[in-house]
Amino acid sequence: MDTLDIIDQYLKGTLSEVETVAFEKRMAENVALREEVYIQKQLFTIHNFSTKESIKNDRYNKELDLLNEKLQTEEYRALSRKIRKVGKEQTMIKPLFKKKKKPYFIYSIAATIVAVITTFFVFNKQSSLNDYYNENVNWDELPSFIAKGQAEAIFTKGESLFKRKEYEKAIETLSIIETKDEYYPYALMYLGASYEQLNQNQKAILQFDKLTQLTDFEEYSKGYWYKLLLYLKGNDRIKALEMQTIILENKNNYNYKKVLELDF
C-alpha cells in the first residue's frame, strides 16, 4: 500500500521535485516498479483521472502496451465496474484524493485487476516465451572447424569438449584463447553456449555481449540473437524485446527475418 500511495502521488504530480527525481531513478532501475506505474496510469485513464507523470514512451513499452490493450477490453472494464460496485458496499478505504475527502476505491480496483492481469501473463505469456526458446535454440548450428581441419589446436579441443557435452572442461579450455586470436569470436560463442548448458545464463549472456562488441567481426550480430534466446529462456520479456528491437534496426543482422516474425 505504501508503494501504491507513492505511485498515486507521482501520477497526480504531488511529489516534491526531489522526491520525483528519486522515484524516477527507482523506476529506471526497477522494471517491476516501472510496469506497476504504467498499469496504475492506465487505471487512472480508465476511470477518467488525469495524470501528471513523465513516463517516457521508450522501446520497452511494447510489453506494457499489451497490458494497456488488455485493460481497455470490455472484459476488464466490466470487471472494474463490478469491483467498484462491490467496493461502494463495503467499508470505505483510504481515499485517492485526500484534499477532496472524496472516497474512491482505486486501490481495490488496482489490486484486483493487476492480480488478474498478472495471472493472465504468468500462465499464458511466460509459457510462450519458453516455447519460443525451445523452438529456436540450436547450438548444433555453431560454426564448426573440426571437420574442416583448419582450426587452431586449443579451439579444436574446446569445440570437441563442447560436442562431447563436457561443458566445464570446454569453458576451461576456451577461456585460454586471447582476444587477439582469430578464433576468439567463435570461442565466445562456444563459451556462451557452454554456460547456457550449465544453466549459468548470466555468464552466458556476458559472453554473447562481448561478441556484440566485436563489430569488425562479420558475425558479431549473432550475439544479439543468442542473448535474445537467453532472455526468452529466463522469461525476461522486457530484455527480449530490447534485443528484438536492436536486431530489427538492421536487416543485415543475424536472423533478422526470423526475429521479425517473433510475436511475444
C-alpha atoms as a PDB file:
ATOM      1  CA  MET A   1       0.000   0.000   0.000  1.00  0.00           C
ATOM      2  CA  ASP A   2       2.921   2.358   0.676  1.00  0.00           C
ATOM      3  CA  THR A   3       4.195   1.783  -2.856  1.00  0.00           C
ATOM      4  CA  LEU A   4       0.712   2.356  -4.274  1.00  0.00           C
ATOM      5  CA  ASP A   5       0.477   5.583  -2.289  1.00  0.00           C
ATOM      6  CA  ILE A   6       3.777   6.849  -3.717  1.00  0.00           C
ATOM      7  CA  ILE A   7       2.715   5.854  -7.236  1.00  0.00           C
ATOM      8  CA  ASP A   8      -0.586   7.634  -6.631  1.00  0.00           C
ATOM      9  CA  GLN A   9       1.219  10.832  -5.619  1.00  0.00           C
ATOM     10  CA  TYR A  10       3.629  10.540  -8.544  1.00  0.00           C
ATOM     11  CA  LEU A  11       0.809  10.192 -11.059  1.00  0.00           C
ATOM     12  CA  LYS A  12      -1.043  13.150  -9.530  1.00  0.00           C
ATOM     13  CA  GLY A  13       2.126  15.258  -9.541  1.00  0.00           C
ATOM     14  CA  THR A  14       2.050  15.909  -5.783  1.00  0.00           C
ATOM     15  CA  LEU A  15       5.559  14.634  -5.036  1.00  0.00           C
ATOM     16  CA  SER A  16       8.246  17.246  -4.495  1.00  0.00           C
ATOM     17  CA  GLU A  17      10.872  17.753  -7.190  1.00  0.00           C
ATOM     18  CA  VAL A  18      13.448  15.843  -5.139  1.00  0.00           C
ATOM     19  CA  GLU A  19      11.000  13.006  -4.454  1.00  0.00           C
ATOM     20  CA  THR A  20      10.060  12.847  -8.132  1.00  0.00           C
ATOM     21  CA  VAL A  21      13.691  12.587  -9.236  1.00  0.00           C
ATOM     22  CA  ALA A  22      14.344   9.872  -6.640  1.00  0.00           C
ATOM     23  CA  PHE A  23      11.243   7.920  -7.637  1.00  0.00           C
ATOM     24  CA  GLU A  24      12.032   8.097 -11.350  1.00  0.00           C
ATOM     25  CA  LYS A  25      15.538   6.852 -10.569  1.00  0.00           C
ATOM     26  CA  ARG A  26      13.941   3.885  -8.791  1.00  0.00           C
ATOM     27  CA  MET A  27      11.757   3.237 -11.822  1.00  0.00           C
ATOM     28  CA  ALA A  28      14.751   3.342 -14.151  1.00  0.00           C
ATOM     29  CA  GLU A  29      16.426   0.632 -12.073  1.00  0.00           C
ATOM     30  CA  ASN A  30      13.348  -1.492 -11.371  1.00  0.00           C
ATOM     31  CA  VAL A  31      11.377  -2.989 -14.264  1.00  0.00           C
ATOM     32  CA  ALA A  32       8.625  -4.310 -11.967  1.00  0.00           C
ATOM     33  CA  LEU A  33       8.065  -0.862 -10.461  1.00  0.00           C
ATOM     34  CA  ARG A  34       8.021   0.711 -13.922  1.00  0.00           C
ATOM     35  CA  GLU A  35       5.356  -1.760 -15.035  1.00  0.00           C
ATOM     36  CA  GLU A  36       3.321  -1.110 -11.880  1.00  0.00           C
ATOM     37  CA  VAL A  37       3.362   2.639 -12.507  1.00  0.00           C
ATOM     38  CA  TYR A  38       2.303   2.081 -16.087  1.00  0.00           C
ATOM     39  CA  ILE A  39      -0.577  -0.171 -15.006  1.00  0.00           C
ATOM     40  CA  GLN A  40      -1.753   2.369 -12.422  1.00  0.00           C
ATOM     41  CA  LYS A  41      -1.591   5.062 -15.092  1.00  0.00           C
ATOM     42  CA  GLN A  42      -3.910   3.029 -17.298  1.00  0.00           C
ATOM     43  CA  LEU A  43      -6.293   2.510 -14.388  1.00  0.00           C
ATOM     44  CA  PHE A  44      -6.374   6.264 -13.833  1.00  0.00           C
ATOM     45  CA  THR A  45      -7.169   6.732 -17.516  1.00  0.00           C
ATOM     46  CA  ILE A  46      -9.954   4.169 -17.442  1.00  0.00           C
ATOM     47  CA  HIS A  47     -11.561   5.978 -14.512  1.00  0.00           C
ATOM     48  CA  ASN A  48     -11.103   9.398 -16.094  1.00  0.00           C
ATOM     49  CA  PHE A  49      -8.431  10.659 -13.677  1.00  0.00           C
ATOM     50  CA  SER A  50      -5.790  12.849 -15.292  1.00  0.00           C
ATOM     51  CA  THR A  51      -2.111  12.207 -14.561  1.00  0.00           C
ATOM     52  CA  LYS A  52       0.938  14.463 -14.500  1.00  0.00           C
ATOM     53  CA  GLU A  53       3.729  11.915 -14.589  1.00  0.00           C
ATOM     54  CA  SER A  54       6.567  11.925 -17.116  1.00  0.00           C
ATOM     55  CA  ILE A  55       6.765   8.281 -18.142  1.00  0.00           C
ATOM     56  CA  LYS A  56       8.791   8.036 -21.318  1.00  0.00           C
ATOM     57  CA  ASN A  57       7.391   6.092 -24.227  1.00  0.00           C
ATOM     58  CA  ASP A  58      10.567   4.073 -24.799  1.00  0.00           C
ATOM     59  CA  ARG A  59      11.167   0.871 -26.687  1.00  0.00           C
ATOM     60  CA  TYR A  60      10.414  -1.267 -23.625  1.00  0.00           C
ATOM     61  CA  ASN A  61       6.758  -0.306 -23.641  1.00  0.00           C
ATOM     62  CA  LYS A  62       5.683  -2.898 -26.193  1.00  0.00           C
ATOM     63  CA  GLU A  63       5.104  -5.286 -23.306  1.00  0.00           C
ATOM     64  CA  LEU A  64       3.365  -2.615 -21.272  1.00  0.00           C
ATOM     65  CA  ASP A  65       1.169  -1.731 -24.219  1.00  0.00           C
ATOM     66  CA  LEU A  66      -0.103  -5.298 -24.136  1.00  0.00           C
ATOM     67  CA  LEU A  67      -1.265  -4.633 -20.587  1.00  0.00           C
ATOM     68  CA  ASN A  68      -2.888  -1.428 -21.732  1.00  0.00           C
ATOM     69  CA  GLU A  69      -4.767  -3.201 -24.515  1.00  0.00           C
ATOM     70  CA  LYS A  70      -5.978  -5.835 -22.063  1.00  0.00           C
ATOM     71  CA  LEU A  71      -7.158  -3.214 -19.594  1.00  0.00           C
ATOM     72  CA  GLN A  72      -9.094  -1.464 -22.339  1.00  0.00           C
ATOM     73  CA  THR A  73     -11.122  -4.541 -23.291  1.00  0.00           C
ATOM     74  CA  GLU A  74     -14.774  -4.753 -22.297  1.00  0.00           C
ATOM     75  CA  GLU A  75     -13.968  -7.820 -20.215  1.00  0.00           C
ATOM     76  CA  TYR A  76     -11.768  -5.826 -17.866  1.00  0.00           C
ATOM     77  CA  ARG A  77     -13.945  -2.733 -17.939  1.00  0.00           C
ATOM     78  CA  ALA A  78     -16.857  -4.930 -16.826  1.00  0.00           C
ATOM     79  CA  LEU A  79     -14.685  -6.392 -14.078  1.00  0.00           C
ATOM     80  CA  SER A  80     -13.747  -2.890 -12.973  1.00  0.00           C
ATOM     81  CA  ARG A  81     -17.414  -1.850 -12.791  1.00  0.00           C
ATOM     82  CA  LYS A  82     -18.236  -4.883 -10.670  1.00  0.00           C
ATOM     83  CA  ILE A  83     -15.362  -4.175  -8.289  1.00  0.00           C
ATOM     84  CA  ARG A  84     -16.422  -0.561  -7.896  1.00  0.00           C
ATOM     85  CA  LYS A  85     -19.984  -1.635  -7.172  1.00  0.00           C
ATOM     86  CA  VAL A  86     -18.831  -4.062  -4.510  1.00  0.00           C
ATOM     87  CA  GLY A  87     -16.407  -1.503  -3.124  1.00  0.00           C
ATOM     88  CA  LYS A  88     -19.150   1.048  -2.524  1.00  0.00           C
ATOM     89  CA  GLU A  89     -20.997  -1.507  -0.456  1.00  0.00           C
ATOM     90  CA  GLN A  90     -18.009  -2.156   1.767  1.00  0.00           C
ATOM     91  CA  THR A  91     -16.174  -0.078   4.353  1.00  0.00           C
ATOM     92  CA  MET A  92     -14.576   2.967   2.807  1.00  0.00           C
ATOM     93  CA  ILE A  93     -10.823   2.568   2.302  1.00  0.00           C
ATOM     94  CA  LYS A  94      -8.095   5.197   2.037  1.00  0.00           C
ATOM     95  CA  PRO A  95      -9.262   7.930  -0.365  1.00  0.00           C
ATOM     96  CA  LEU A  96      -7.371   8.564  -3.573  1.00  0.00           C
ATOM     97  CA  PHE A  97      -7.552  12.352  -3.339  1.00  0.00           C
ATOM     98  CA  LYS A  98      -7.027  13.327   0.282  1.00  0.00           C
ATOM     99  CA  LYS A  99      -7.751  17.041  -0.126  1.00  0.00           C
ATOM    100  CA  LYS A 100     -11.207  16.491  -1.579  1.00  0.00           C
ATOM    101  CA  LYS A 101     -12.059  13.903   1.087  1.00  0.00           C
ATOM    102  CA  LYS A 102     -13.943  12.007  -1.588  1.00  0.00           C
ATOM    103  CA  PRO A 103     -13.895   8.192  -1.333  1.00  0.00           C
ATOM    104  CA  TYR A 104     -12.508   6.271  -4.291  1.00  0.00           C
ATOM    105  CA  PHE A 105     -11.825   2.600  -4.494  1.00  0.00           C
ATOM    106  CA  ILE A 106      -8.967   2.681  -6.953  1.00  0.00           C
ATOM    107  CA  TYR A 107      -6.677   0.655  -4.677  1.00  0.00           C
ATOM    108  CA  SER A 108      -9.015  -2.327  -4.502  1.00  0.00           C
ATOM    109  CA  ILE A 109      -9.683  -1.980  -8.223  1.00  0.00           C
ATOM    110  CA  ALA A 110      -5.985  -1.831  -8.984  1.00  0.00           C
ATOM    111  CA  ALA A 111      -5.132  -4.760  -6.740  1.00  0.00           C
ATOM    112  CA  THR A 112      -7.765  -6.997  -8.263  1.00  0.00           C
ATOM    113  CA  ILE A 113      -7.201  -6.063 -11.884  1.00  0.00           C
ATOM    114  CA  VAL A 114      -3.433  -6.291 -11.511  1.00  0.00           C
ATOM    115  CA  ALA A 115      -3.889  -9.735  -9.963  1.00  0.00           C
ATOM    116  CA  VAL A 116      -5.991 -10.831 -12.920  1.00  0.00           C
ATOM    117  CA  ILE A 117      -3.520  -9.300 -15.388  1.00  0.00           C
ATOM    118  CA  THR A 118      -0.617 -10.975 -13.609  1.00  0.00           C
ATOM    119  CA  THR A 119      -2.359 -14.342 -13.698  1.00  0.00           C
ATOM    120  CA  PHE A 120      -3.050 -13.883 -17.396  1.00  0.00           C
ATOM    121  CA  PHE A 121       0.557 -13.098 -18.239  1.00  0.00           C
ATOM    122  CA  VAL A 122       2.139 -15.638 -15.899  1.00  0.00           C
ATOM    123  CA  PHE A 123       0.130 -18.596 -17.119  1.00  0.00           C
ATOM    124  CA  ASN A 124      -0.268 -17.590 -20.752  1.00  0.00           C
ATOM    125  CA  LYS A 125       2.771 -15.497 -21.678  1.00  0.00           C
ATOM    126  CA  GLN A 126       5.681 -16.956 -19.740  1.00  0.00           C
ATOM    127  CA  SER A 127       4.997 -20.420 -21.105  1.00  0.00           C
ATOM    128  CA  SER A 128       5.012 -18.971 -24.617  1.00  0.00           C
ATOM    129  CA  LEU A 129       8.446 -17.430 -24.007  1.00  0.00           C
ATOM    130  CA  ASN A 130       9.827 -20.850 -23.164  1.00  0.00           C
ATOM    131  CA  ASP A 131       8.144 -22.204 -26.280  1.00  0.00           C
ATOM    132  CA  TYR A 132       9.927 -19.603 -28.413  1.00  0.00           C
ATOM    133  CA  TYR A 133      13.207 -20.515 -26.762  1.00  0.00           C
ATOM    134  CA  ASN A 134      12.730 -24.264 -27.242  1.00  0.00           C
ATOM    135  CA  GLU A 135      11.676 -23.796 -30.862  1.00  0.00           C
ATOM    136  CA  ASN A 136      14.668 -21.645 -31.785  1.00  0.00           C
ATOM    137  CA  VAL A 137      17.646 -22.735 -29.693  1.00  0.00           C
ATOM    138  CA  ASN A 138      20.045 -24.962 -31.610  1.00  0.00           C
ATOM    139  CA  TRP A 139      23.658 -24.961 -30.524  1.00  0.00           C
ATOM    140  CA  ASP A 140      24.454 -27.501 -33.243  1.00  0.00           C
ATOM    141  CA  GLU A 141      24.391 -24.539 -35.617  1.00  0.00           C
ATOM    142  CA  LEU A 142      27.500 -23.023 -34.038  1.00  0.00           C
ATOM    143  CA  PRO A 143      30.346 -22.687 -36.569  1.00  0.00           C
ATOM    144  CA  SER A 144      32.434 -25.867 -36.585  1.00  0.00           C
ATOM    145  CA  PHE A 145      36.056 -26.125 -37.672  1.00  0.00           C
ATOM    146  CA  ILE A 146      36.803 -29.687 -36.634  1.00  0.00           C
ATOM    147  CA  ALA A 147      35.618 -31.269 -39.879  1.00  0.00           C
ATOM    148  CA  LYS A 148      37.392 -28.587 -41.898  1.00  0.00           C
ATOM    149  CA  GLY A 149      40.671 -29.429 -40.259  1.00  0.00           C
ATOM    150  CA  GLN A 150      41.792 -25.825 -40.149  1.00  0.00           C
ATOM    151  CA  ALA A 151      41.255 -24.784 -36.564  1.00  0.00           C
ATOM    152  CA  GLU A 152      43.943 -23.894 -34.068  1.00  0.00           C
ATOM    153  CA  ALA A 153      44.632 -26.707 -31.569  1.00  0.00           C
ATOM    154  CA  ILE A 154      43.170 -25.063 -28.444  1.00  0.00           C
ATOM    155  CA  PHE A 155      39.939 -24.070 -30.169  1.00  0.00           C
ATOM    156  CA  THR A 156      39.591 -27.538 -31.710  1.00  0.00           C
ATOM    157  CA  LYS A 157      39.963 -29.100 -28.276  1.00  0.00           C
ATOM    158  CA  GLY A 158      37.356 -26.744 -26.793  1.00  0.00           C
ATOM    159  CA  GLU A 159      34.869 -27.406 -29.577  1.00  0.00           C
ATOM    160  CA  SER A 160      35.362 -31.168 -29.208  1.00  0.00           C
ATOM    161  CA  LEU A 161      34.751 -30.958 -25.462  1.00  0.00           C
ATOM    162  CA  PHE A 162      31.562 -28.989 -26.071  1.00  0.00           C
ATOM    163  CA  LYS A 163      30.265 -31.543 -28.551  1.00  0.00           C
ATOM    164  CA  ARG A 164      31.014 -34.295 -26.017  1.00  0.00           C
ATOM    165  CA  LYS A 165      28.934 -32.273 -23.527  1.00  0.00           C
ATOM    166  CA  GLU A 166      31.917 -31.758 -21.244  1.00  0.00           C
ATOM    167  CA  TYR A 167      30.935 -28.137 -20.773  1.00  0.00           C
ATOM    168  CA  GLU A 168      33.057 -27.270 -17.750  1.00  0.00           C
ATOM    169  CA  LYS A 169      36.202 -28.565 -19.466  1.00  0.00           C
ATOM    170  CA  ALA A 170      35.186 -26.713 -22.639  1.00  0.00           C
ATOM    171  CA  ILE A 171      34.955 -23.479 -20.663  1.00  0.00           C
ATOM    172  CA  GLU A 172      38.335 -24.093 -19.043  1.00  0.00           C
ATOM    173  CA  THR A 173      39.926 -24.685 -22.452  1.00  0.00           C
ATOM    174  CA  LEU A 174      38.243 -21.944 -24.482  1.00  0.00           C
ATOM    175  CA  SER A 175      38.843 -19.314 -21.796  1.00  0.00           C
ATOM    176  CA  ILE A 176      42.559 -19.508 -22.606  1.00  0.00           C
ATOM    177  CA  ILE A 177      42.047 -18.089 -26.096  1.00  0.00           C
ATOM    178  CA  GLU A 178      43.120 -14.448 -26.162  1.00  0.00           C
ATOM    179  CA  THR A 179      41.193 -11.547 -27.671  1.00  0.00           C
ATOM    180  CA  LYS A 180      43.730 -11.080 -30.488  1.00  0.00           C
ATOM    181  CA  ASP A 181      43.306 -14.710 -31.601  1.00  0.00           C
ATOM    182  CA  GLU A 182      41.339 -15.098 -34.856  1.00  0.00           C
ATOM    183  CA  TYR A 183      39.210 -17.771 -33.184  1.00  0.00           C
ATOM    184  CA  TYR A 184      38.308 -15.569 -30.201  1.00  0.00           C
ATOM    185  CA  PRO A 185      34.800 -14.639 -31.527  1.00  0.00           C
ATOM    186  CA  TYR A 186      33.992 -18.317 -32.078  1.00  0.00           C
ATOM    187  CA  ALA A 187      35.352 -19.131 -28.624  1.00  0.00           C
ATOM    188  CA  LEU A 188      32.871 -16.614 -27.181  1.00  0.00           C
ATOM    189  CA  MET A 189      30.035 -18.414 -28.944  1.00  0.00           C
ATOM    190  CA  TYR A 190      31.039 -21.767 -27.506  1.00  0.00           C
ATOM    191  CA  LEU A 191      31.723 -20.301 -24.077  1.00  0.00           C
ATOM    192  CA  GLY A 192      28.252 -18.739 -24.019  1.00  0.00           C
ATOM    193  CA  ALA A 193      26.644 -21.982 -25.184  1.00  0.00           C
ATOM    194  CA  SER A 194      28.605 -23.955 -22.569  1.00  0.00           C
ATOM    195  CA  TYR A 195      27.474 -21.666 -19.747  1.00  0.00           C
ATOM    196  CA  GLU A 196      23.906 -21.897 -21.049  1.00  0.00           C
ATOM    197  CA  GLN A 197      24.027 -25.686 -20.975  1.00  0.00           C
ATOM    198  CA  LEU A 198      25.160 -25.433 -17.351  1.00  0.00           C
ATOM    199  CA  ASN A 199      22.210 -23.069 -16.685  1.00  0.00           C
ATOM    200  CA  GLN A 200      24.584 -20.234 -15.857  1.00  0.00           C
ATOM    201  CA  ASN A 201      22.623 -17.841 -18.023  1.00  0.00           C
ATOM    202  CA  GLN A 202      24.118 -14.580 -16.785  1.00  0.00           C
ATOM    203  CA  LYS A 203      27.631 -15.772 -17.566  1.00  0.00           C
ATOM    204  CA  ALA A 204      26.394 -16.923 -20.964  1.00  0.00           C
ATOM    205  CA  ILE A 205      24.871 -13.510 -21.670  1.00  0.00           C
ATOM    206  CA  LEU A 206      28.162 -11.858 -20.701  1.00  0.00           C
ATOM    207  CA  GLN A 207      29.995 -13.892 -23.366  1.00  0.00           C
ATOM    208  CA  PHE A 208      27.441 -13.025 -26.035  1.00  0.00           C
ATOM    209  CA  ASP A 209      27.575  -9.385 -25.022  1.00  0.00           C
ATOM    210  CA  LYS A 210      31.322  -9.432 -25.657  1.00  0.00           C
ATOM    211  CA  LEU A 211      30.574 -10.892 -29.082  1.00  0.00           C
ATOM    212  CA  THR A 212      28.262  -7.987 -29.984  1.00  0.00           C
ATOM    213  CA  GLN A 213      31.087  -5.571 -29.268  1.00  0.00           C
ATOM    214  CA  LEU A 214      33.340  -7.137 -31.919  1.00  0.00           C
ATOM    215  CA  THR A 215      31.819  -5.089 -34.739  1.00  0.00           C
ATOM    216  CA  ASP A 216      34.771  -5.815 -37.026  1.00  0.00           C
ATOM    217  CA  PHE A 217      33.788  -9.478 -36.879  1.00  0.00           C
ATOM    218  CA  GLU A 218      31.308 -10.328 -39.644  1.00  0.00           C
ATOM    219  CA  GLU A 219      29.059 -12.428 -37.411  1.00  0.00           C
ATOM    220  CA  TYR A 220      29.040 -10.161 -34.379  1.00  0.00           C
ATOM    221  CA  SER A 221      25.239  -9.724 -34.538  1.00  0.00           C
ATOM    222  CA  LYS A 222      24.821 -13.382 -33.606  1.00  0.00           C
ATOM    223  CA  GLY A 223      25.473 -12.176 -30.081  1.00  0.00           C
ATOM    224  CA  TYR A 224      22.149 -10.298 -30.085  1.00  0.00           C
ATOM    225  CA  TRP A 225      20.329 -13.419 -31.264  1.00  0.00           C
ATOM    226  CA  TYR A 226      21.919 -15.599 -28.588  1.00  0.00           C
ATOM    227  CA  LYS A 227      21.103 -13.018 -25.919  1.00  0.00           C
ATOM    228  CA  LEU A 228      17.506 -12.940 -27.151  1.00  0.00           C
ATOM    229  CA  LEU A 229      17.307 -16.708 -26.723  1.00  0.00           C
ATOM    230  CA  LEU A 230      18.671 -16.497 -23.194  1.00  0.00           C
ATOM    231  CA  TYR A 231      16.164 -13.802 -22.229  1.00  0.00           C
ATOM    232  CA  LEU A 232      13.345 -15.918 -23.630  1.00  0.00           C
ATOM    233  CA  LYS A 233      14.613 -18.852 -21.606  1.00  0.00           C
ATOM    234  CA  GLY A 234      14.640 -16.700 -18.479  1.00  0.00           C
ATOM    235  CA  ASN A 235      11.125 -15.302 -19.153  1.00  0.00           C
ATOM    236  CA  ASP A 236      12.560 -11.788 -19.294  1.00  0.00           C
ATOM    237  CA  ARG A 237      10.177 -10.273 -21.845  1.00  0.00           C
ATOM    238  CA  ILE A 238      11.472  -6.722 -21.437  1.00  0.00           C
ATOM    239  CA  LYS A 239      15.076  -7.672 -22.226  1.00  0.00           C
ATOM    240  CA  ALA A 240      13.942  -9.981 -25.027  1.00  0.00           C
ATOM    241  CA  LEU A 241      12.025  -7.102 -26.585  1.00  0.00           C
ATOM    242  CA  GLU A 242      15.124  -4.929 -26.274  1.00  0.00           C
ATOM    243  CA  MET A 243      17.142  -7.496 -28.233  1.00  0.00           C
ATOM    244  CA  GLN A 244      14.374  -7.819 -30.803  1.00  0.00           C
ATOM    245  CA  THR A 245      14.400  -4.062 -31.307  1.00  0.00           C
ATOM    246  CA  ILE A 246      18.177  -3.970 -31.748  1.00  0.00           C
ATOM    247  CA  ILE A 247      18.165  -6.827 -34.263  1.00  0.00           C
ATOM    248  CA  LEU A 248      15.370  -5.221 -36.293  1.00  0.00           C
ATOM    249  CA  GLU A 249      17.337  -1.995 -36.602  1.00  0.00           C
ATOM    250  CA  ASN A 250      19.481  -3.577 -39.315  1.00  0.00           C
ATOM    251  CA  LYS A 251      18.279  -6.040 -41.958  1.00  0.00           C
ATOM    252  CA  ASN A 252      21.776  -7.464 -42.133  1.00  0.00           C
ATOM    253  CA  ASN A 253      21.660  -8.625 -38.522  1.00  0.00           C
ATOM    254  CA  TYR A 254      21.677 -12.365 -37.959  1.00  0.00           C
ATOM    255  CA  ASN A 255      18.214 -13.999 -38.153  1.00  0.00           C
ATOM    256  CA  TYR A 256      16.551 -10.669 -38.980  1.00  0.00           C
ATOM    257  CA  LYS A 257      13.623 -12.312 -40.781  1.00  0.00           C
ATOM    258  CA  LYS A 258      13.069 -14.864 -38.036  1.00  0.00           C
ATOM    259  CA  VAL A 259      13.090 -12.180 -35.354  1.00  0.00           C
ATOM    260  CA  LEU A 260      10.688 -10.112 -37.432  1.00  0.00           C
ATOM    261  CA  GLU A 261       8.167 -12.933 -37.190  1.00  0.00           C
ATOM    262  CA  LEU A 262       8.518 -13.413 -33.430  1.00  0.00           C
ATOM    263  CA  ASP A 263       5.472 -12.079 -31.585  1.00  0.00           C
ATOM    264  CA  PHE A 264       5.890 -12.397 -27.849  1.00  0.00           C
END
